[in-house]
Amino acid sequence: MRHWMTVFAGTLALSLMSETAAIAQVTYYRTINFANAWVNNPCYEELGMTSDGERLKLDSCSIDGTGKNRKFLYYLNGQPKVGTTDCDLQGAWCAGDRMVPAVSHATQRMLDRVCNGPRR
């Protein structure tokens, strides 16, 4: 009986170590692919610096909405944020439950892109 428990405990430990290694490997590759997404994805547009000194990027493929109401995904220093705007407001959007004015050139460019599409 003792031998069976030793084999079981060893097998369990080996199994957990293998699963942990596999999870770490998947996490590593997801990080690499996410980092490369900025380089290889034409949807991400670098818009510049905000008035607070944060790097602003827009996922132009995420822009969605009908009429003048738009929902979009943007990044501040690489952190994803969801924004909504009424394009008639001219110069402001909502991030969560707060209204954000477009103070910097980068944020004004973001709203122009969200509301009017790309310049041709």
N, C-alpha and C. Protein backbone atom coordinates (compact mmCIF):
# COMPACT_ATOMS: atom_id res chain seq x y z
N MET A 1 0.82 -1.19 0.00
CA MET A 1 0.00 0.00 0.00
C MET A 1 0.86 1.26 0.00
N ARG A 2 1.94 1.21 0.70
CA ARG A 2 2.81 2.37 0.77
C ARG A 2 3.41 2.72 -0.59
N HIS A 3 3.79 1.69 -1.34
CA HIS A 3 4.38 1.89 -2.65
C HIS A 3 3.39 2.61 -3.59
N TRP A 4 2.13 2.22 -3.55
CA TRP A 4 1.11 2.83 -4.39
C TRP A 4 0.97 4.32 -4.09
N MET A 5 0.99 4.70 -2.80
CA MET A 5 0.86 6.11 -2.42
C MET A 5 2.08 6.91 -2.87
N THR A 6 3.26 6.33 -2.80
CA THR A 6 4.47 7.01 -3.23
C THR A 6 4.43 7.26 -4.74
N VAL A 7 4.01 6.25 -5.49
CA VAL A 7 3.90 6.40 -6.95
C VAL A 7 2.84 7.45 -7.28
N PHE A 8 1.71 7.42 -6.60
CA PHE A 8 0.65 8.40 -6.84
C PHE A 8 1.13 9.81 -6.55
N ALA A 9 1.80 10.00 -5.40
CA ALA A 9 2.29 11.32 -5.03
C ALA A 9 3.31 11.83 -6.04
N GLY A 10 4.20 10.96 -6.49
CA GLY A 10 5.20 11.35 -7.49
C GLY A 10 4.56 11.71 -8.82
N THR A 11 3.58 10.93 -9.24
CA THR A 11 2.88 11.20 -10.49
C THR A 11 2.11 12.52 -10.41
N LEU A 12 1.46 12.77 -9.29
CA LEU A 12 0.73 14.01 -9.09
C LEU A 12 1.67 15.21 -9.14
N ALA A 13 2.80 15.12 -8.46
CA ALA A 13 3.77 16.22 -8.45
C ALA A 13 4.30 16.48 -9.85
N LEU A 14 4.62 15.45 -10.60
CA LEU A 14 5.13 15.59 -11.97
C LEU A 14 4.06 16.21 -12.87
N SER A 15 2.83 15.78 -12.70
CA SER A 15 1.73 16.32 -13.49
C SER A 15 1.54 17.81 -13.22
N LEU A 16 1.56 18.22 -11.96
CA LEU A 16 1.41 19.64 -11.62
C LEU A 16 2.56 20.46 -12.17
N MET A 17 3.78 19.93 -12.11
CA MET A 17 4.92 20.66 -12.64
C MET A 17 4.79 20.83 -14.15
N SER A 18 4.32 19.84 -14.85
CA SER A 18 4.15 19.91 -16.31
C SER A 18 3.09 20.93 -16.68
N GLU A 19 1.96 20.91 -15.94
CA GLU A 19 0.90 21.87 -16.21
C GLU A 19 1.36 23.30 -15.95
N THR A 20 2.12 23.51 -14.88
CA THR A 20 2.63 24.83 -14.56
C THR A 20 3.56 25.32 -15.66
N ALA A 21 4.43 24.45 -16.16
CA ALA A 21 5.33 24.83 -17.24
C ALA A 21 4.55 25.17 -18.50
N ALA A 22 3.50 24.41 -18.80
CA ALA A 22 2.69 24.67 -19.99
C ALA A 22 1.97 26.01 -19.86
N ILE A 23 1.43 26.31 -18.70
CA ILE A 23 0.76 27.59 -18.47
C ILE A 23 1.74 28.74 -18.62
N ALA A 24 2.93 28.60 -18.07
CA ALA A 24 3.94 29.64 -18.18
C ALA A 24 4.32 29.86 -19.64
N GLN A 25 4.42 28.80 -20.42
CA GLN A 25 4.78 28.91 -21.83
C GLN A 25 3.68 29.62 -22.61
N VAL A 26 2.43 29.27 -22.36
CA VAL A 26 1.32 29.93 -23.04
C VAL A 26 1.29 31.41 -22.68
N THR A 27 1.47 31.74 -21.42
CA THR A 27 1.49 33.14 -20.99
C THR A 27 2.61 33.90 -21.69
N TYR A 28 3.78 33.28 -21.79
CA TYR A 28 4.93 33.91 -22.44
C TYR A 28 4.59 34.21 -23.90
N TYR A 29 4.04 33.24 -24.62
CA TYR A 29 3.74 33.46 -26.03
C TYR A 29 2.63 34.48 -26.22
N ARG A 30 1.66 34.52 -25.33
CA ARG A 30 0.61 35.55 -25.43
C ARG A 30 1.22 36.93 -25.25
N THR A 31 2.17 37.08 -24.35
CA THR A 31 2.83 38.37 -24.14
C THR A 31 3.59 38.78 -25.39
N ILE A 32 4.31 37.85 -25.99
CA ILE A 32 5.06 38.15 -27.21
C ILE A 32 4.11 38.57 -28.33
N ASN A 33 3.03 37.83 -28.52
CA ASN A 33 2.08 38.16 -29.58
C ASN A 33 1.42 39.50 -29.34
N PHE A 34 1.10 39.83 -28.09
CA PHE A 34 0.49 41.12 -27.78
C PHE A 34 1.45 42.25 -28.10
N ALA A 35 2.73 42.07 -27.76
CA ALA A 35 3.72 43.11 -28.05
C ALA A 35 3.88 43.30 -29.55
N ASN A 36 3.87 42.22 -30.31
CA ASN A 36 4.02 42.32 -31.75
C ASN A 36 2.76 42.88 -32.42
N ALA A 37 1.63 42.81 -31.75
CA ALA A 37 0.39 43.32 -32.34
C ALA A 37 0.50 44.80 -32.64
N TRP A 38 1.22 45.55 -31.81
CA TRP A 38 1.39 46.99 -32.06
C TRP A 38 2.13 47.22 -33.37
N VAL A 39 3.11 46.39 -33.66
CA VAL A 39 3.94 46.57 -34.83
C VAL A 39 3.22 46.12 -36.09
N ASN A 40 2.54 44.98 -36.03
CA ASN A 40 1.99 44.35 -37.21
C ASN A 40 0.54 44.68 -37.51
N ASN A 41 -0.16 45.36 -36.64
CA ASN A 41 -1.58 45.57 -36.83
C ASN A 41 -1.85 46.98 -37.34
N PRO A 42 -2.41 47.11 -38.54
CA PRO A 42 -2.68 48.44 -39.09
C PRO A 42 -3.82 49.17 -38.38
N CYS A 43 -4.54 48.49 -37.48
CA CYS A 43 -5.65 49.12 -36.76
C CYS A 43 -5.16 50.08 -35.68
N TYR A 44 -3.97 49.85 -35.14
CA TYR A 44 -3.47 50.67 -34.05
C TYR A 44 -2.78 51.92 -34.58
N GLU A 45 -3.28 53.07 -34.17
CA GLU A 45 -2.72 54.33 -34.64
C GLU A 45 -2.10 55.08 -33.47
N GLU A 46 -0.84 55.43 -33.61
CA GLU A 46 -0.13 56.24 -32.61
C GLU A 46 -0.56 57.68 -32.84
N LEU A 47 -1.16 58.30 -31.81
CA LEU A 47 -1.69 59.65 -31.97
C LEU A 47 -0.84 60.72 -31.30
N GLY A 48 0.09 60.33 -30.45
CA GLY A 48 0.95 61.30 -29.79
C GLY A 48 0.78 61.28 -28.29
N MET A 49 1.14 62.39 -27.66
CA MET A 49 1.12 62.50 -26.21
C MET A 49 -0.08 63.33 -25.75
N THR A 50 -0.70 62.90 -24.65
CA THR A 50 -1.79 63.66 -24.06
C THR A 50 -1.21 64.83 -23.26
N SER A 51 -2.06 65.69 -22.77
CA SER A 51 -1.59 66.82 -21.96
C SER A 51 -1.00 66.36 -20.64
N ASP A 52 -1.31 65.13 -20.22
CA ASP A 52 -0.73 64.56 -19.00
C ASP A 52 0.56 63.79 -19.27
N GLY A 53 1.03 63.80 -20.53
CA GLY A 53 2.28 63.13 -20.87
C GLY A 53 2.15 61.64 -21.11
N GLU A 54 0.94 61.16 -21.38
CA GLU A 54 0.73 59.74 -21.63
C GLU A 54 0.66 59.49 -23.15
N ARG A 55 1.21 58.34 -23.56
CA ARG A 55 1.15 57.98 -24.98
C ARG A 55 -0.26 57.50 -25.32
N LEU A 56 -0.82 58.05 -26.38
CA LEU A 56 -2.18 57.73 -26.79
C LEU A 56 -2.17 56.97 -28.10
N LYS A 57 -2.84 55.83 -28.11
CA LYS A 57 -3.04 55.03 -29.32
C LYS A 57 -4.51 54.72 -29.44
N LEU A 58 -4.97 54.61 -30.68
CA LEU A 58 -6.37 54.30 -30.98
C LEU A 58 -6.43 53.00 -31.76
N ASP A 59 -7.36 52.13 -31.39
CA ASP A 59 -7.65 50.94 -32.17
C ASP A 59 -8.77 51.34 -33.14
N SER A 60 -8.39 51.74 -34.34
CA SER A 60 -9.38 52.25 -35.29
C SER A 60 -10.36 51.17 -35.76
N CYS A 61 -9.97 49.90 -35.64
CA CYS A 61 -10.89 48.82 -36.01
C CYS A 61 -11.99 48.61 -34.96
N SER A 62 -11.83 49.21 -33.80
CA SER A 62 -12.82 49.03 -32.73
C SER A 62 -13.94 50.07 -32.81
N ILE A 63 -13.80 51.07 -33.65
CA ILE A 63 -14.80 52.14 -33.71
C ILE A 63 -16.13 51.55 -34.18
N ASP A 64 -17.16 51.79 -33.37
CA ASP A 64 -18.46 51.20 -33.64
C ASP A 64 -19.54 52.19 -33.25
N GLY A 65 -20.63 52.15 -33.94
CA GLY A 65 -21.76 53.00 -33.58
C GLY A 65 -22.54 53.44 -34.79
N THR A 66 -23.72 53.98 -34.52
CA THR A 66 -24.57 54.48 -35.59
C THR A 66 -24.85 55.95 -35.33
N GLY A 67 -25.14 56.68 -36.38
CA GLY A 67 -25.39 58.10 -36.23
C GLY A 67 -24.17 58.79 -35.68
N LYS A 68 -24.35 59.61 -34.69
CA LYS A 68 -23.23 60.35 -34.09
C LYS A 68 -22.69 59.71 -32.82
N ASN A 69 -23.30 58.64 -32.34
CA ASN A 69 -22.81 57.95 -31.14
C ASN A 69 -21.78 56.91 -31.53
N ARG A 70 -20.60 56.99 -30.90
CA ARG A 70 -19.51 56.07 -31.21
C ARG A 70 -18.95 55.46 -29.94
N LYS A 71 -18.51 54.21 -30.05
CA LYS A 71 -17.80 53.52 -28.99
C LYS A 71 -16.47 53.09 -29.58
N PHE A 72 -15.39 53.18 -28.81
CA PHE A 72 -14.06 52.88 -29.35
C PHE A 72 -13.12 52.44 -28.24
N LEU A 73 -12.01 51.84 -28.66
CA LEU A 73 -10.99 51.36 -27.74
C LEU A 73 -9.73 52.19 -27.97
N TYR A 74 -9.18 52.73 -26.89
CA TYR A 74 -7.94 53.48 -26.99
C TYR A 74 -7.00 53.03 -25.88
N TYR A 75 -5.75 53.41 -25.99
CA TYR A 75 -4.72 52.98 -25.04
C TYR A 75 -3.96 54.18 -24.51
N LEU A 76 -3.84 54.25 -23.20
CA LEU A 76 -3.00 55.25 -22.54
C LEU A 76 -1.83 54.51 -21.93
N ASN A 77 -0.63 54.79 -22.43
CA ASN A 77 0.58 54.09 -21.99
C ASN A 77 0.40 52.58 -22.04
N GLY A 78 -0.29 52.10 -23.07
CA GLY A 78 -0.47 50.67 -23.27
C GLY A 78 -1.63 50.05 -22.51
N GLN A 79 -2.30 50.82 -21.67
CA GLN A 79 -3.44 50.30 -20.90
C GLN A 79 -4.74 50.54 -21.67
N PRO A 80 -5.50 49.48 -21.97
CA PRO A 80 -6.72 49.65 -22.76
C PRO A 80 -7.82 50.37 -21.98
N LYS A 81 -8.52 51.23 -22.70
CA LYS A 81 -9.66 51.98 -22.14
C LYS A 81 -10.77 51.98 -23.18
N VAL A 82 -12.01 51.97 -22.71
CA VAL A 82 -13.16 52.06 -23.60
C VAL A 82 -13.71 53.47 -23.51
N GLY A 83 -13.92 54.08 -24.66
CA GLY A 83 -14.47 55.43 -24.70
C GLY A 83 -15.76 55.45 -25.52
N THR A 84 -16.60 56.41 -25.19
CA THR A 84 -17.82 56.64 -25.98
C THR A 84 -17.91 58.14 -26.22
N THR A 85 -18.50 58.50 -27.33
CA THR A 85 -18.68 59.92 -27.60
C THR A 85 -19.93 60.15 -28.45
N ASP A 86 -20.47 61.31 -28.29
CA ASP A 86 -21.50 61.83 -29.17
C ASP A 86 -20.77 62.83 -30.06
N CYS A 87 -20.64 62.55 -31.31
CA CYS A 87 -19.82 63.36 -32.19
C CYS A 87 -20.32 64.79 -32.32
N ASP A 88 -21.53 65.08 -31.89
CA ASP A 88 -22.03 66.45 -31.89
C ASP A 88 -21.45 67.27 -30.74
N LEU A 89 -20.87 66.60 -29.72
CA LEU A 89 -20.34 67.32 -28.56
C LEU A 89 -19.09 68.13 -28.88
N GLN A 90 -18.35 67.74 -29.91
CA GLN A 90 -17.16 68.46 -30.31
C GLN A 90 -16.16 68.64 -29.18
N GLY A 91 -15.29 67.69 -29.03
CA GLY A 91 -14.17 67.88 -28.12
C GLY A 91 -14.29 67.22 -26.76
N ALA A 92 -15.12 66.21 -26.60
CA ALA A 92 -15.21 65.51 -25.32
C ALA A 92 -15.67 64.08 -25.56
N TRP A 93 -15.31 63.20 -24.66
CA TRP A 93 -15.77 61.81 -24.70
C TRP A 93 -15.94 61.31 -23.29
N CYS A 94 -16.61 60.19 -23.14
CA CYS A 94 -16.81 59.58 -21.83
C CYS A 94 -15.88 58.39 -21.68
N ALA A 95 -15.22 58.34 -20.55
CA ALA A 95 -14.39 57.20 -20.17
C ALA A 95 -14.98 56.69 -18.87
N GLY A 96 -15.70 55.57 -18.96
CA GLY A 96 -16.41 55.10 -17.78
C GLY A 96 -17.57 56.03 -17.50
N ASP A 97 -17.59 56.61 -16.31
CA ASP A 97 -18.69 57.51 -15.96
C ASP A 97 -18.26 58.97 -15.89
N ARG A 98 -17.11 59.30 -16.46
CA ARG A 98 -16.68 60.70 -16.41
C ARG A 98 -16.47 61.27 -17.81
N MET A 99 -16.77 62.53 -17.96
CA MET A 99 -16.59 63.25 -19.22
C MET A 99 -15.15 63.74 -19.28
N VAL A 100 -14.49 63.51 -20.41
CA VAL A 100 -13.09 63.89 -20.59
C VAL A 100 -13.00 64.89 -21.73
N PRO A 101 -12.48 66.09 -21.48
CA PRO A 101 -12.32 67.06 -22.56
C PRO A 101 -11.08 66.72 -23.40
N ALA A 102 -11.16 66.98 -24.69
CA ALA A 102 -10.02 66.75 -25.58
C ALA A 102 -9.15 68.00 -25.55
N VAL A 103 -8.17 68.00 -24.66
CA VAL A 103 -7.32 69.17 -24.45
C VAL A 103 -6.10 69.15 -25.37
N SER A 104 -5.48 68.01 -25.51
CA SER A 104 -4.24 67.93 -26.29
C SER A 104 -4.53 67.71 -27.77
N HIS A 105 -3.51 67.95 -28.59
CA HIS A 105 -3.63 67.70 -30.02
C HIS A 105 -3.92 66.22 -30.27
N ALA A 106 -3.29 65.33 -29.50
CA ALA A 106 -3.48 63.89 -29.67
C ALA A 106 -4.93 63.48 -29.40
N THR A 107 -5.53 63.99 -28.34
CA THR A 107 -6.92 63.62 -28.03
C THR A 107 -7.89 64.23 -29.03
N GLN A 108 -7.58 65.43 -29.54
CA GLN A 108 -8.41 66.02 -30.58
C GLN A 108 -8.34 65.20 -31.86
N ARG A 109 -7.14 64.70 -32.19
CA ARG A 109 -6.97 63.84 -33.36
C ARG A 109 -7.76 62.54 -33.18
N MET A 110 -7.76 62.00 -31.96
CA MET A 110 -8.48 60.76 -31.69
C MET A 110 -9.98 60.95 -31.96
N LEU A 111 -10.55 62.02 -31.43
CA LEU A 111 -11.98 62.25 -31.64
C LEU A 111 -12.30 62.54 -33.10
N ASP A 112 -11.41 63.25 -33.77
CA ASP A 112 -11.62 63.51 -35.20
C ASP A 112 -11.63 62.20 -35.97
N ARG A 113 -10.71 61.31 -35.63
CA ARG A 113 -10.64 60.00 -36.30
C ARG A 113 -11.87 59.15 -35.99
N VAL A 114 -12.31 59.18 -34.72
CA VAL A 114 -13.48 58.39 -34.32
C VAL A 114 -14.74 58.89 -35.02
N CYS A 115 -14.91 60.19 -35.10
CA CYS A 115 -16.14 60.75 -35.64
C CYS A 115 -16.15 60.89 -37.16
N ASN A 116 -14.98 61.19 -37.75
CA ASN A 116 -14.95 61.51 -39.18
C ASN A 116 -14.24 60.48 -40.04
N GLY A 117 -13.63 59.47 -39.44
CA GLY A 117 -12.92 58.46 -40.22
C GLY A 117 -11.54 58.94 -40.61
N PRO A 118 -10.82 58.11 -41.35
CA PRO A 118 -9.44 58.46 -41.72
C PRO A 118 -9.41 59.55 -42.79
N ARG A 119 -8.37 60.34 -42.77
CA ARG A 119 -8.17 61.35 -43.83
C ARG A 119 -7.62 60.64 -45.06
N ARG A 120 -8.09 60.98 -46.19
CA ARG A 120 -7.64 60.33 -47.43
C ARG A 120 -6.71 61.25 -48.20
